[in-house]
Amino acid sequence: MGDPRAYPDRPHLAASAAIFRDGKVLLVRRARKPALDIWTLPGGGVEAGETLHEALLREVTEETGLAIDIVALAGHREMIARDADGRVTRHFVIMAFATRWRGGEPVLNEELSDFRWVCPDEVAGFQTTEGLAEIVDAAFTALTAA
């Protein structure tokens, strides 16, 4: 069976977490295509019947084993990829949340190959998903305002 997210007839909703611990944010490196070796935030698709917060907590637990507290919505990004003929191969609307680390140490699942706790101003030095540095900055601002 093929990937149901490939060549979609509609956008897919996802949630991601900018997890802060001691002033640093968690970046994870994807271990699978289409984002192989790209640094990003933990997260994933929202399933039918889940709230954004439920999906975020589930995805963070599945991908990293961490416990988090959700503080605020930090923003959103759209990821649209097209093939050589211009057809949409992927379309995600990703709701990014500012979160605080509550407990645990990262234990990555098969979707991730590495992790780093980095200062927010270091994010731009990594090969990341588009707009990640801006999301991290917005999440950091939301956390300091909370």
N, C-alpha and C. Protein backbone atom coordinates (compact mmCIF):
# COMPACT_ATOMS: atom_id res chain seq x y z
N MET A 1 0.84 -1.18 0.00
CA MET A 1 0.00 0.00 0.00
C MET A 1 0.88 1.24 0.00
N GLY A 2 0.55 2.21 -0.82
CA GLY A 2 1.33 3.42 -0.92
C GLY A 2 1.06 4.37 0.23
N ASP A 3 1.85 5.41 0.26
CA ASP A 3 1.72 6.43 1.30
C ASP A 3 0.47 7.27 1.01
N PRO A 4 -0.52 7.28 1.92
CA PRO A 4 -1.75 8.03 1.66
C PRO A 4 -1.54 9.55 1.64
N ARG A 5 -0.35 9.99 2.08
CA ARG A 5 -0.07 11.43 2.07
C ARG A 5 0.57 11.87 0.76
N ALA A 6 0.95 10.91 -0.09
CA ALA A 6 1.57 11.23 -1.38
C ALA A 6 0.48 11.54 -2.40
N TYR A 7 0.70 12.55 -3.18
CA TYR A 7 -0.25 13.02 -4.19
C TYR A 7 -1.64 13.19 -3.57
N PRO A 8 -1.74 14.05 -2.56
CA PRO A 8 -3.00 14.21 -1.83
C PRO A 8 -4.03 14.99 -2.63
N ASP A 9 -5.29 14.79 -2.26
CA ASP A 9 -6.36 15.58 -2.86
C ASP A 9 -6.74 16.75 -1.96
N ARG A 10 -6.07 16.85 -0.83
CA ARG A 10 -6.30 17.94 0.12
C ARG A 10 -5.06 18.06 1.00
N PRO A 11 -4.89 19.19 1.68
CA PRO A 11 -3.77 19.32 2.63
C PRO A 11 -3.98 18.40 3.83
N HIS A 12 -2.89 17.98 4.44
CA HIS A 12 -2.92 17.20 5.68
C HIS A 12 -2.51 18.10 6.83
N LEU A 13 -3.20 17.97 7.96
CA LEU A 13 -2.92 18.77 9.14
C LEU A 13 -1.89 18.05 10.01
N ALA A 14 -0.93 18.82 10.50
CA ALA A 14 0.10 18.27 11.38
C ALA A 14 0.37 19.26 12.52
N ALA A 15 1.01 18.76 13.57
CA ALA A 15 1.39 19.59 14.71
C ALA A 15 2.84 19.31 15.05
N SER A 16 3.58 20.36 15.44
CA SER A 16 4.97 20.19 15.84
C SER A 16 5.23 20.96 17.12
N ALA A 17 6.29 20.55 17.83
CA ALA A 17 6.60 21.13 19.14
C ALA A 17 8.00 21.72 19.17
N ALA A 18 8.07 23.01 19.46
CA ALA A 18 9.36 23.64 19.81
C ALA A 18 9.50 23.41 21.30
N ILE A 19 10.29 22.40 21.66
CA ILE A 19 10.44 21.99 23.06
C ILE A 19 11.66 22.69 23.64
N PHE A 20 11.43 23.50 24.68
CA PHE A 20 12.52 24.24 25.31
C PHE A 20 12.87 23.63 26.66
N ARG A 21 14.18 23.54 26.89
CA ARG A 21 14.73 23.02 28.15
C ARG A 21 16.00 23.82 28.45
N ASP A 22 16.01 24.49 29.58
CA ASP A 22 17.18 25.28 29.99
C ASP A 22 17.63 26.25 28.90
N GLY A 23 16.67 26.90 28.25
CA GLY A 23 16.98 27.91 27.24
C GLY A 23 17.34 27.37 25.87
N LYS A 24 17.34 26.04 25.72
CA LYS A 24 17.67 25.44 24.43
C LYS A 24 16.45 24.74 23.86
N VAL A 25 16.42 24.62 22.54
CA VAL A 25 15.31 23.98 21.84
C VAL A 25 15.78 22.66 21.25
N LEU A 26 14.89 21.68 21.21
CA LEU A 26 15.21 20.36 20.67
C LEU A 26 15.01 20.35 19.15
N LEU A 27 16.08 20.02 18.43
CA LEU A 27 15.98 19.76 16.99
C LEU A 27 16.17 18.27 16.79
N VAL A 28 15.43 17.72 15.84
CA VAL A 28 15.55 16.30 15.49
C VAL A 28 15.83 16.19 13.99
N ARG A 29 16.60 15.16 13.63
CA ARG A 29 16.92 14.95 12.22
C ARG A 29 16.09 13.78 11.70
N ARG A 30 15.40 14.01 10.59
CA ARG A 30 14.53 13.00 9.98
C ARG A 30 15.36 11.88 9.35
N ALA A 31 14.88 10.65 9.53
CA ALA A 31 15.58 9.47 9.04
C ALA A 31 14.93 8.88 7.78
N ARG A 32 13.90 9.54 7.28
CA ARG A 32 13.18 9.01 6.10
C ARG A 32 12.92 10.12 5.09
N LYS A 33 12.76 9.70 3.86
CA LYS A 33 12.33 10.63 2.81
C LYS A 33 10.88 10.98 3.08
N PRO A 34 10.39 12.13 2.68
CA PRO A 34 11.03 13.08 1.80
C PRO A 34 11.94 14.08 2.51
N ALA A 35 12.02 14.06 3.82
CA ALA A 35 12.83 15.05 4.55
C ALA A 35 14.09 14.40 5.14
N LEU A 36 14.63 13.40 4.49
CA LEU A 36 15.79 12.67 4.97
C LEU A 36 16.93 13.62 5.32
N ASP A 37 17.46 13.49 6.53
CA ASP A 37 18.60 14.25 7.05
C ASP A 37 18.32 15.74 7.27
N ILE A 38 17.07 16.14 7.21
CA ILE A 38 16.69 17.52 7.48
C ILE A 38 16.37 17.65 8.98
N TRP A 39 16.85 18.73 9.58
CA TRP A 39 16.57 19.01 10.99
C TRP A 39 15.24 19.74 11.10
N THR A 40 14.47 19.37 12.08
CA THR A 40 13.14 19.94 12.25
C THR A 40 12.72 19.80 13.71
N LEU A 41 11.44 20.00 13.97
CA LEU A 41 10.87 19.83 15.30
C LEU A 41 10.12 18.51 15.34
N PRO A 42 10.05 17.88 16.51
CA PRO A 42 9.24 16.67 16.60
C PRO A 42 7.77 16.98 16.36
N GLY A 43 7.08 16.04 15.76
CA GLY A 43 5.66 16.22 15.50
C GLY A 43 5.21 15.33 14.36
N GLY A 44 3.95 15.47 14.01
CA GLY A 44 3.41 14.66 12.92
C GLY A 44 1.95 14.90 12.71
N GLY A 45 1.33 14.02 11.97
CA GLY A 45 -0.04 14.19 11.52
C GLY A 45 -1.07 14.09 12.63
N VAL A 46 -2.12 14.88 12.46
CA VAL A 46 -3.28 14.84 13.35
C VAL A 46 -4.23 13.78 12.81
N GLU A 47 -4.63 12.87 13.68
CA GLU A 47 -5.54 11.80 13.28
C GLU A 47 -6.99 12.23 13.50
N ALA A 48 -7.90 11.64 12.75
CA ALA A 48 -9.33 11.94 12.90
C ALA A 48 -9.75 11.72 14.35
N GLY A 49 -10.44 12.69 14.91
CA GLY A 49 -10.92 12.60 16.28
C GLY A 49 -9.96 13.15 17.32
N GLU A 50 -8.74 13.51 16.91
CA GLU A 50 -7.77 14.09 17.84
C GLU A 50 -7.83 15.61 17.79
N THR A 51 -7.63 16.23 18.94
CA THR A 51 -7.40 17.67 18.95
C THR A 51 -5.94 17.90 18.58
N LEU A 52 -5.60 19.14 18.26
CA LEU A 52 -4.20 19.46 17.96
C LEU A 52 -3.31 19.12 19.15
N HIS A 53 -3.75 19.46 20.36
CA HIS A 53 -2.94 19.18 21.54
C HIS A 53 -2.77 17.68 21.77
N GLU A 54 -3.83 16.92 21.59
CA GLU A 54 -3.72 15.45 21.74
C GLU A 54 -2.73 14.88 20.73
N ALA A 55 -2.84 15.33 19.50
CA ALA A 55 -1.93 14.85 18.45
C ALA A 55 -0.49 15.22 18.77
N LEU A 56 -0.28 16.44 19.24
CA LEU A 56 1.07 16.90 19.55
C LEU A 56 1.68 16.06 20.68
N LEU A 57 0.93 15.86 21.74
CA LEU A 57 1.44 15.07 22.86
C LEU A 57 1.74 13.64 22.42
N ARG A 58 0.86 13.04 21.61
CA ARG A 58 1.08 11.68 21.11
C ARG A 58 2.33 11.62 20.25
N GLU A 59 2.45 12.53 19.30
CA GLU A 59 3.59 12.51 18.39
C GLU A 59 4.92 12.73 19.12
N VAL A 60 4.96 13.66 20.06
CA VAL A 60 6.19 13.89 20.81
C VAL A 60 6.57 12.65 21.61
N THR A 61 5.59 12.02 22.23
CA THR A 61 5.86 10.80 22.99
C THR A 61 6.35 9.69 22.06
N GLU A 62 5.69 9.50 20.91
CA GLU A 62 6.09 8.45 19.97
C GLU A 62 7.49 8.68 19.41
N GLU A 63 7.80 9.93 19.06
CA GLU A 63 9.06 10.22 18.40
C GLU A 63 10.24 10.38 19.35
N THR A 64 10.00 10.89 20.56
CA THR A 64 11.12 11.23 21.44
C THR A 64 11.02 10.64 22.85
N GLY A 65 9.83 10.23 23.27
CA GLY A 65 9.65 9.75 24.63
C GLY A 65 9.60 10.84 25.68
N LEU A 66 9.62 12.09 25.29
CA LEU A 66 9.63 13.21 26.23
C LEU A 66 8.23 13.56 26.72
N ALA A 67 8.17 14.09 27.93
CA ALA A 67 6.94 14.68 28.46
C ALA A 67 7.07 16.19 28.32
N ILE A 68 6.01 16.84 27.83
CA ILE A 68 6.04 18.28 27.60
C ILE A 68 4.78 18.94 28.15
N ASP A 69 4.88 20.25 28.33
CA ASP A 69 3.73 21.09 28.63
C ASP A 69 3.56 22.04 27.47
N ILE A 70 2.36 22.09 26.91
CA ILE A 70 2.07 22.99 25.79
C ILE A 70 1.75 24.37 26.35
N VAL A 71 2.42 25.39 25.83
CA VAL A 71 2.25 26.75 26.33
C VAL A 71 1.39 27.60 25.40
N ALA A 72 1.71 27.61 24.11
CA ALA A 72 1.01 28.49 23.18
C ALA A 72 1.26 28.07 21.73
N LEU A 73 0.37 28.49 20.86
CA LEU A 73 0.60 28.33 19.44
C LEU A 73 1.67 29.34 19.02
N ALA A 74 2.71 28.86 18.34
CA ALA A 74 3.81 29.73 17.93
C ALA A 74 3.67 30.18 16.48
N GLY A 75 2.83 29.51 15.72
CA GLY A 75 2.65 29.88 14.32
C GLY A 75 2.35 28.65 13.49
N HIS A 76 2.39 28.83 12.19
CA HIS A 76 2.15 27.70 11.29
C HIS A 76 3.04 27.82 10.06
N ARG A 77 3.21 26.72 9.41
CA ARG A 77 3.94 26.66 8.15
C ARG A 77 3.17 25.75 7.21
N GLU A 78 3.33 26.00 5.92
CA GLU A 78 2.78 25.11 4.91
C GLU A 78 3.94 24.51 4.14
N MET A 79 3.87 23.22 3.94
CA MET A 79 4.88 22.52 3.16
C MET A 79 4.17 21.94 1.95
N ILE A 80 4.51 22.47 0.79
CA ILE A 80 3.94 21.98 -0.47
C ILE A 80 5.09 21.57 -1.37
N ALA A 81 5.09 20.31 -1.78
CA ALA A 81 6.11 19.80 -2.69
C ALA A 81 5.44 19.38 -3.98
N ARG A 82 6.15 19.59 -5.09
CA ARG A 82 5.62 19.26 -6.40
C ARG A 82 6.61 18.39 -7.16
N ASP A 83 6.08 17.56 -8.05
CA ASP A 83 6.94 16.74 -8.89
C ASP A 83 7.35 17.53 -10.13
N ALA A 84 8.11 16.89 -11.02
CA ALA A 84 8.62 17.56 -12.22
C ALA A 84 7.51 18.08 -13.13
N ASP A 85 6.31 17.48 -13.03
CA ASP A 85 5.18 17.92 -13.85
C ASP A 85 4.34 18.99 -13.16
N GLY A 86 4.76 19.39 -11.95
CA GLY A 86 4.02 20.42 -11.23
C GLY A 86 2.89 19.90 -10.36
N ARG A 87 2.71 18.59 -10.33
CA ARG A 87 1.64 18.02 -9.49
C ARG A 87 2.08 18.03 -8.02
N VAL A 88 1.14 18.27 -7.15
CA VAL A 88 1.43 18.31 -5.71
C VAL A 88 1.70 16.89 -5.22
N THR A 89 2.90 16.67 -4.69
CA THR A 89 3.26 15.37 -4.14
C THR A 89 3.03 15.30 -2.64
N ARG A 90 3.10 16.43 -1.96
CA ARG A 90 2.86 16.54 -0.52
C ARG A 90 2.30 17.92 -0.22
N HIS A 91 1.38 17.98 0.75
CA HIS A 91 0.87 19.27 1.20
C HIS A 91 0.48 19.11 2.67
N PHE A 92 1.25 19.78 3.53
CA PHE A 92 0.98 19.77 4.97
C PHE A 92 0.78 21.19 5.47
N VAL A 93 -0.17 21.37 6.35
CA VAL A 93 -0.32 22.58 7.14
C VAL A 93 0.11 22.18 8.54
N ILE A 94 1.19 22.80 9.01
CA ILE A 94 1.80 22.39 10.28
C ILE A 94 1.59 23.49 11.32
N MET A 95 0.87 23.15 12.37
CA MET A 95 0.65 24.07 13.48
C MET A 95 1.78 23.84 14.49
N ALA A 96 2.58 24.87 14.73
CA ALA A 96 3.74 24.74 15.60
C ALA A 96 3.45 25.36 16.97
N PHE A 97 3.79 24.62 18.01
CA PHE A 97 3.50 25.05 19.37
C PHE A 97 4.77 25.28 20.17
N ALA A 98 4.73 26.29 21.04
CA ALA A 98 5.78 26.53 22.02
C ALA A 98 5.49 25.60 23.19
N THR A 99 6.48 24.81 23.59
CA THR A 99 6.29 23.86 24.69
C THR A 99 7.49 23.89 25.62
N ARG A 100 7.25 23.42 26.85
CA ARG A 100 8.33 23.27 27.83
C ARG A 100 8.57 21.79 28.10
N TRP A 101 9.82 21.41 28.19
CA TRP A 101 10.21 20.07 28.57
C TRP A 101 9.78 19.85 30.01
N ARG A 102 9.12 18.74 30.28
CA ARG A 102 8.69 18.40 31.64
C ARG A 102 9.48 17.22 32.20
N GLY A 103 9.93 16.31 31.31
CA GLY A 103 10.67 15.17 31.81
C GLY A 103 11.09 14.22 30.72
N GLY A 104 12.03 13.34 31.09
CA GLY A 104 12.53 12.33 30.18
C GLY A 104 13.76 12.80 29.42
N GLU A 105 14.40 11.84 28.80
CA GLU A 105 15.52 12.10 27.91
C GLU A 105 15.14 11.56 26.54
N PRO A 106 15.58 12.23 25.47
CA PRO A 106 15.17 11.78 24.13
C PRO A 106 15.55 10.33 23.83
N VAL A 107 14.55 9.57 23.44
CA VAL A 107 14.72 8.21 22.92
C VAL A 107 14.00 8.22 21.58
N LEU A 108 14.77 8.24 20.51
CA LEU A 108 14.20 8.45 19.18
C LEU A 108 13.61 7.18 18.60
N ASN A 109 12.50 7.36 17.86
CA ASN A 109 11.92 6.22 17.14
C ASN A 109 12.58 6.11 15.76
N GLU A 110 12.09 5.19 14.93
CA GLU A 110 12.70 4.92 13.63
C GLU A 110 12.56 6.07 12.63
N GLU A 111 11.73 7.05 12.93
CA GLU A 111 11.55 8.19 12.02
C GLU A 111 12.66 9.22 12.16
N LEU A 112 13.43 9.13 13.25
CA LEU A 112 14.45 10.13 13.54
C LEU A 112 15.82 9.49 13.69
N SER A 113 16.88 10.20 13.25
CA SER A 113 18.22 9.64 13.33
C SER A 113 19.13 10.34 14.34
N ASP A 114 18.75 11.53 14.79
CA ASP A 114 19.62 12.27 15.71
C ASP A 114 18.81 13.37 16.38
N PHE A 115 19.37 13.92 17.45
CA PHE A 115 18.76 15.06 18.11
C PHE A 115 19.85 15.95 18.67
N ARG A 116 19.50 17.22 18.86
CA ARG A 116 20.41 18.18 19.49
C ARG A 116 19.57 19.20 20.25
N TRP A 117 20.04 19.56 21.44
CA TRP A 117 19.49 20.70 22.17
C TRP A 117 20.36 21.88 21.77
N VAL A 118 19.79 22.91 21.15
CA VAL A 118 20.58 24.04 20.65
C VAL A 118 19.97 25.36 21.11
N CYS A 119 20.82 26.37 21.17
CA CYS A 119 20.33 27.72 21.46
C CYS A 119 19.50 28.18 20.26
N PRO A 120 18.44 28.93 20.50
CA PRO A 120 17.59 29.38 19.38
C PRO A 120 18.36 30.07 18.26
N ASP A 121 19.40 30.84 18.59
CA ASP A 121 20.13 31.54 17.54
C ASP A 121 21.05 30.62 16.72
N GLU A 122 21.18 29.36 17.12
CA GLU A 122 21.99 28.39 16.38
C GLU A 122 21.19 27.64 15.31
N VAL A 123 19.87 27.74 15.37
CA VAL A 123 19.01 26.97 14.45
C VAL A 123 19.33 27.29 12.99
N ALA A 124 19.61 28.55 12.69
CA ALA A 124 19.88 28.95 11.31
C ALA A 124 21.11 28.26 10.73
N GLY A 125 21.98 27.72 11.57
CA GLY A 125 23.18 27.03 11.10
C GLY A 125 22.95 25.59 10.69
N PHE A 126 21.74 25.09 10.87
CA PHE A 126 21.40 23.71 10.51
C PHE A 126 20.62 23.70 9.20
N GLN A 127 20.68 22.57 8.49
CA GLN A 127 19.84 22.39 7.31
C GLN A 127 18.46 21.98 7.82
N THR A 128 17.51 22.92 7.80
CA THR A 128 16.21 22.70 8.42
C THR A 128 15.07 22.81 7.41
N THR A 129 13.90 22.44 7.92
CA THR A 129 12.69 22.69 7.15
C THR A 129 12.52 24.20 7.01
N GLU A 130 11.88 24.60 5.94
CA GLU A 130 11.72 26.02 5.64
C GLU A 130 10.99 26.76 6.76
N GLY A 131 11.56 27.88 7.18
CA GLY A 131 10.93 28.73 8.17
C GLY A 131 11.10 28.28 9.61
N LEU A 132 11.94 27.26 9.85
CA LEU A 132 12.07 26.73 11.20
C LEU A 132 12.66 27.75 12.18
N ALA A 133 13.65 28.51 11.76
CA ALA A 133 14.25 29.50 12.66
C ALA A 133 13.21 30.52 13.12
N GLU A 134 12.32 30.93 12.22
CA GLU A 134 11.29 31.90 12.58
C GLU A 134 10.29 31.30 13.57
N ILE A 135 9.94 30.04 13.37
CA ILE A 135 9.02 29.36 14.30
C ILE A 135 9.67 29.25 15.68
N VAL A 136 10.93 28.87 15.73
CA VAL A 136 11.64 28.76 17.01
C VAL A 136 11.68 30.12 17.71
N ASP A 137 11.96 31.17 16.96
CA ASP A 137 11.98 32.52 17.55
C ASP A 137 10.60 32.89 18.11
N ALA A 138 9.54 32.61 17.36
CA ALA A 138 8.19 32.91 17.83
C ALA A 138 7.84 32.08 19.06
N ALA A 139 8.27 30.82 19.08
CA ALA A 139 8.01 29.97 20.24
C ALA A 139 8.76 30.49 21.46
N PHE A 140 10.00 30.90 21.29
CA PHE A 140 10.78 31.43 22.39
C PHE A 140 10.12 32.69 22.95
N THR A 141 9.64 33.55 22.07
CA THR A 141 8.94 34.78 22.48
C THR A 141 7.67 34.43 23.25
N ALA A 142 6.92 33.45 22.78
CA ALA A 142 5.69 33.03 23.46
C ALA A 142 5.99 32.48 24.85
N LEU A 143 7.08 31.73 24.97
CA LEU A 143 7.44 31.17 26.28
C LEU A 143 7.86 32.25 27.27
N THR A 144 8.59 33.22 26.79
CA THR A 144 9.05 34.29 27.70
C THR A 144 7.91 35.21 28.10
N ALA A 145 6.87 35.26 27.27
CA ALA A 145 5.71 36.10 27.59
C ALA A 145 4.72 35.39 28.52
N ALA A 146 4.81 34.06 28.59
CA ALA A 146 3.85 33.27 29.39
C ALA A 146 4.16 33.33 30.87
